[in-house]
Amino acid sequence: MLDRELDLIEHLEEMRKRLIIIGLQFLFFFFVAFIFVKDIYQFFILDLDYKLIILSPTDTLWIYFMLAAVVAITCSIPVILMQIWLFVKPALSEQERKMTLAYIPAIFGLFLVGISFGYFVVFPIVLQFLMTLSEDLFAMNFTTINYFRFMLHMTLPFGLLFEMPILILFLTALGIINPYRLKKVRKYAYFVLVIISVMITPPDFISDILVIIPLLLLYEFSIYLSQWVFRKKLNETMELNLP
């Protein structure tokens, strides 16, 4: 009983250490981002043909904090993943350590690809579509807060959706799923991805296609990765069973 309590205390201490490191790294990135927040703001409004407006003196500060926080969170993702890996590392085998460590740059890379796709492809098309709907009926003035909230809603979800290949790769490595199951449920997966695409884009055919096609290709790429891992595991099992 005493040994279990000591193990629990050690685990809590280790978790506390990792959380402190993550918090300090976030504050560091936030501080750096806040120093250059005006440049970050100018980057995001570079292609706008109109000025954004604010409704209160505190809006500017709120926007600066929001932009700095988003940049800090994005930059902190590798640190967060590394600290999680270090926390669970003692419970992993040598092979599992190497495998999970290799996921960290891939997760971060796919997240960046996802938010880049959302920002440079989906966001401009959706914004242009919505502006076209209202340009002959209403005077268009965008508040800075609402504009950046809308931009985040159009970009951050893609950072998460683009993690699908890594998630499937990891679940295949654990033996939870395999490529045969993924192929069997392909039509249902396509249906879910199409629904997600329609939900996060405006009701026009072009926007839907621009989102649906990459997500379907990601699913097919995930099946390929699952096949690769599954065959590798199968070969390793066969080699171990050889006399």
Protein backbone atom coordinates (compact mmCIF):
# COMPACT_ATOMS: atom_id res chain seq x y z
CA MET A 1 0.00 0.00 0.00
CA LEU A 2 2.83 2.36 0.92
CA ASP A 3 4.65 1.56 -2.34
CA ARG A 4 1.53 2.41 -4.36
CA GLU A 5 1.17 5.73 -2.56
CA LEU A 6 4.84 6.53 -3.22
CA ASP A 7 4.42 5.65 -6.92
CA LEU A 8 1.35 7.87 -7.11
CA ILE A 9 3.24 10.77 -5.50
CA GLU A 10 6.13 10.28 -7.93
CA HIS A 11 3.75 10.29 -10.89
CA LEU A 12 2.03 13.45 -9.64
CA GLU A 13 5.39 15.13 -9.12
CA GLU A 14 6.47 14.16 -12.63
CA MET A 15 3.18 15.45 -14.06
CA ARG A 16 3.59 18.71 -12.15
CA LYS A 17 7.10 19.09 -13.55
CA ARG A 18 5.90 18.55 -17.12
CA LEU A 19 2.99 20.97 -16.70
CA ILE A 20 5.33 23.65 -15.32
CA ILE A 21 7.65 23.24 -18.31
CA ILE A 22 4.70 23.49 -20.71
CA GLY A 23 3.40 26.58 -18.91
CA LEU A 24 6.80 28.31 -18.97
CA GLN A 25 7.28 27.52 -22.65
CA PHE A 26 3.82 28.90 -23.44
CA LEU A 27 4.58 32.11 -21.53
CA PHE A 28 7.88 32.47 -23.39
CA PHE A 29 6.25 32.07 -26.81
CA PHE A 30 3.39 34.34 -25.76
CA PHE A 31 5.83 37.06 -24.65
CA VAL A 32 7.80 36.84 -27.91
CA ALA A 33 4.61 36.82 -30.01
CA PHE A 34 3.25 39.82 -28.09
CA ILE A 35 6.42 41.78 -28.86
CA PHE A 36 5.85 41.23 -32.59
CA VAL A 37 2.03 41.22 -32.42
CA LYS A 38 1.69 44.30 -34.65
CA ASP A 39 3.69 42.58 -37.37
CA ILE A 40 1.55 39.44 -36.95
CA TYR A 41 -1.59 41.56 -37.22
CA GLN A 42 -0.31 43.28 -40.36
CA PHE A 43 0.45 39.90 -41.92
CA PHE A 44 -3.13 38.71 -41.47
CA ILE A 45 -4.71 41.87 -42.87
CA LEU A 46 -2.19 42.35 -45.68
CA ASP A 47 -4.59 41.42 -48.50
CA LEU A 48 -7.67 43.14 -47.10
CA ASP A 49 -9.11 45.95 -49.21
CA TYR A 50 -10.80 47.60 -46.27
CA LYS A 51 -9.98 48.56 -42.70
CA LEU A 52 -11.31 46.63 -39.76
CA ILE A 53 -13.09 48.56 -37.03
CA ILE A 54 -13.20 48.30 -33.26
CA LEU A 55 -16.15 49.11 -31.01
CA SER A 56 -14.34 49.80 -27.74
CA PRO A 57 -10.84 50.80 -26.60
CA THR A 58 -10.25 47.37 -25.10
CA ASP A 59 -10.85 45.57 -28.42
CA THR A 60 -7.31 46.28 -29.59
CA LEU A 61 -5.79 44.75 -26.49
CA TRP A 62 -8.12 41.74 -26.75
CA ILE A 63 -7.06 41.17 -30.39
CA TYR A 64 -3.38 41.42 -29.49
CA PHE A 65 -3.79 38.90 -26.68
CA MET A 66 -5.76 36.54 -28.93
CA LEU A 67 -3.18 36.62 -31.73
CA ALA A 68 -0.29 36.17 -29.30
CA ALA A 69 -2.09 33.27 -27.60
CA VAL A 70 -2.79 31.49 -30.91
CA VAL A 71 0.83 31.83 -32.00
CA ALA A 72 2.04 30.69 -28.58
CA ILE A 73 -0.22 27.62 -28.61
CA THR A 74 0.91 26.68 -32.12
CA CYS A 75 4.58 27.03 -31.22
CA SER A 76 4.04 25.13 -27.97
CA ILE A 77 2.60 22.02 -29.65
CA PRO A 78 6.01 20.30 -30.12
CA VAL A 79 6.89 21.11 -26.50
CA ILE A 80 3.55 19.74 -25.26
CA LEU A 81 3.96 16.54 -27.28
CA MET A 82 7.54 16.08 -26.09
CA GLN A 83 6.56 16.54 -22.44
CA ILE A 84 3.73 14.02 -22.84
CA TRP A 85 6.20 11.59 -24.39
CA LEU A 86 8.70 12.10 -21.56
CA PHE A 87 5.93 11.50 -19.02
CA VAL A 88 4.85 8.15 -20.52
CA LYS A 89 8.35 7.13 -21.62
CA PRO A 90 9.16 4.97 -18.54
CA ALA A 91 6.12 2.78 -19.25
CA LEU A 92 7.11 2.15 -22.89
CA SER A 93 9.39 -0.43 -24.41
CA GLU A 94 12.43 0.66 -26.44
CA GLN A 95 10.59 0.06 -29.70
CA GLU A 96 7.51 1.93 -28.50
CA ARG A 97 9.68 4.88 -27.45
CA LYS A 98 11.20 5.19 -30.90
CA MET A 99 7.82 4.79 -32.58
CA THR A 100 6.00 7.38 -30.49
CA LEU A 101 8.90 9.85 -30.65
CA ALA A 102 8.75 9.73 -34.44
CA TYR A 103 5.11 10.91 -34.30
CA ILE A 104 5.95 14.28 -32.74
CA PRO A 105 7.33 16.10 -35.83
CA ALA A 106 4.66 14.45 -38.01
CA ILE A 107 1.83 15.66 -35.76
CA PHE A 108 3.20 19.21 -35.72
CA GLY A 109 3.86 19.19 -39.46
CA LEU A 110 0.35 17.99 -40.33
CA PHE A 111 -1.17 20.56 -37.97
CA LEU A 112 0.71 23.34 -39.81
CA VAL A 113 -0.33 21.94 -43.18
CA GLY A 114 -3.94 21.81 -42.00
CA ILE A 115 -4.15 25.38 -40.74
CA SER A 116 -2.25 26.60 -43.84
CA PHE A 117 -4.81 24.86 -46.05
CA GLY A 118 -7.62 26.43 -44.05
CA TYR A 119 -6.09 29.92 -44.14
CA PHE A 120 -4.78 30.09 -47.72
CA VAL A 121 -7.45 28.00 -49.49
CA VAL A 122 -10.72 27.70 -47.57
CA PHE A 123 -10.84 31.00 -45.67
CA PRO A 124 -10.46 33.35 -48.71
CA ILE A 125 -13.09 31.42 -50.70
CA VAL A 126 -15.59 31.37 -47.84
CA LEU A 127 -15.04 35.05 -47.06
CA GLN A 128 -15.45 36.04 -50.71
CA PHE A 129 -18.62 33.99 -51.00
CA LEU A 130 -20.18 35.61 -47.93
CA MET A 131 -19.19 39.08 -49.10
CA THR A 132 -20.77 38.41 -52.51
CA LEU A 133 -24.05 37.53 -50.81
CA SER A 134 -24.29 40.85 -48.97
CA GLU A 135 -22.46 43.41 -51.11
CA ASP A 136 -25.59 44.64 -52.92
CA LEU A 137 -27.78 44.69 -49.82
CA PHE A 138 -25.70 45.87 -46.88
CA ALA A 139 -22.83 48.21 -46.07
CA MET A 140 -19.99 45.92 -45.05
CA ASN A 141 -18.00 46.89 -41.99
CA PHE A 142 -16.16 44.13 -40.18
CA THR A 143 -15.20 44.43 -36.54
CA THR A 144 -11.70 43.23 -35.87
CA ILE A 145 -12.81 40.75 -33.19
CA ASN A 146 -15.46 39.12 -35.38
CA TYR A 147 -13.13 38.96 -38.37
CA PHE A 148 -10.39 37.13 -36.46
CA ARG A 149 -12.88 34.84 -34.73
CA PHE A 150 -14.25 33.87 -38.13
CA MET A 151 -10.73 33.32 -39.45
CA LEU A 152 -9.87 31.02 -36.54
CA HIS A 153 -13.08 29.04 -37.06
CA MET A 154 -12.08 28.52 -40.69
CA THR A 155 -8.49 27.45 -40.00
CA LEU A 156 -8.05 25.65 -36.67
CA PRO A 157 -10.50 22.81 -37.44
CA PHE A 158 -8.36 21.84 -40.44
CA GLY A 159 -5.32 21.60 -38.21
CA LEU A 160 -7.17 18.90 -36.27
CA LEU A 161 -8.70 17.17 -39.31
CA PHE A 162 -5.29 16.82 -40.95
CA GLU A 163 -4.13 14.74 -37.98
CA MET A 164 -6.23 11.83 -39.30
CA PRO A 165 -3.29 9.94 -40.93
CA ILE A 166 -1.23 10.06 -37.73
CA LEU A 167 -4.19 8.95 -35.60
CA ILE A 168 -4.90 5.98 -37.89
CA LEU A 169 -1.21 5.13 -38.04
CA PHE A 170 -1.00 5.11 -34.25
CA LEU A 171 -4.18 3.04 -33.81
CA THR A 172 -2.90 0.53 -36.36
CA ALA A 173 0.40 0.25 -34.52
CA LEU A 174 -1.53 -0.50 -31.33
CA GLY A 175 -3.58 -3.16 -33.12
CA ILE A 176 -6.90 -1.38 -32.54
CA ILE A 177 -7.67 -1.01 -36.25
CA ASN A 178 -6.27 -2.44 -39.49
CA PRO A 179 -6.45 -1.51 -43.19
CA TYR A 180 -9.12 -4.13 -43.88
CA ARG A 181 -11.49 -2.51 -41.40
CA LEU A 182 -10.74 0.92 -42.86
CA LYS A 183 -11.59 -0.32 -46.35
CA LYS A 184 -14.74 -2.02 -45.08
CA VAL A 185 -16.08 1.20 -43.54
CA ARG A 186 -14.79 3.41 -46.36
CA LYS A 187 -18.24 4.45 -47.61
CA TYR A 188 -19.36 5.37 -44.07
CA ALA A 189 -16.12 7.30 -43.50
CA TYR A 190 -16.66 9.15 -46.77
CA PHE A 191 -20.18 10.03 -45.69
CA VAL A 192 -18.97 11.43 -42.35
CA LEU A 193 -16.18 13.43 -44.04
CA VAL A 194 -18.63 14.87 -46.56
CA ILE A 195 -20.98 15.92 -43.74
CA ILE A 196 -18.08 17.58 -41.89
CA SER A 197 -17.02 19.37 -45.07
CA VAL A 198 -20.52 20.70 -45.72
CA MET A 199 -20.86 21.85 -42.11
CA ILE A 200 -17.68 23.94 -42.07
CA THR A 201 -18.09 25.53 -45.51
CA PRO A 202 -20.75 27.82 -46.99
CA PRO A 203 -23.51 26.27 -49.12
CA ASP A 204 -21.81 26.47 -52.49
CA PHE A 205 -20.52 23.60 -54.58
CA ILE A 206 -16.98 24.87 -55.14
CA SER A 207 -16.18 25.37 -51.45
CA ASP A 208 -17.55 21.93 -50.60
CA ILE A 209 -15.43 20.26 -53.29
CA LEU A 210 -12.28 22.12 -52.19
CA VAL A 211 -12.68 20.68 -48.70
CA ILE A 212 -14.13 17.25 -49.48
CA ILE A 213 -11.41 16.17 -51.94
CA PRO A 214 -8.43 16.78 -49.57
CA LEU A 215 -10.22 15.00 -46.71
CA LEU A 216 -11.01 11.97 -48.88
CA LEU A 217 -7.41 11.88 -50.10
CA LEU A 218 -6.26 12.04 -46.48
CA TYR A 219 -8.43 9.04 -45.69
CA GLU A 220 -6.99 7.07 -48.60
CA PHE A 221 -3.47 8.06 -47.53
CA SER A 222 -4.34 6.90 -44.02
CA ILE A 223 -5.34 3.50 -45.41
CA TYR A 224 -1.98 3.28 -47.19
CA LEU A 225 -0.13 4.10 -43.97
CA SER A 226 -2.23 1.55 -42.10
CA GLN A 227 -1.33 -1.12 -44.68
CA TRP A 228 2.35 -0.30 -44.35
CA VAL A 229 2.33 -0.56 -40.54
CA PHE A 230 0.12 -3.67 -40.59
CA ARG A 231 2.43 -5.50 -43.02
CA LYS A 232 5.48 -4.47 -41.03
CA LYS A 233 3.96 -5.82 -37.80
CA LEU A 234 2.90 -9.01 -39.58
CA ASN A 235 6.41 -9.59 -40.93
CA GLU A 236 7.94 -9.01 -37.50
CA THR A 237 5.51 -11.52 -35.96
CA MET A 238 6.33 -14.11 -38.61
CA GLU A 239 10.07 -13.65 -38.04
CA LEU A 240 9.64 -14.16 -34.30
CA ASN A 241 7.64 -17.36 -34.87
CA LEU A 242 10.25 -18.86 -37.20
CA PRO A 243 12.22 -21.76 -35.62
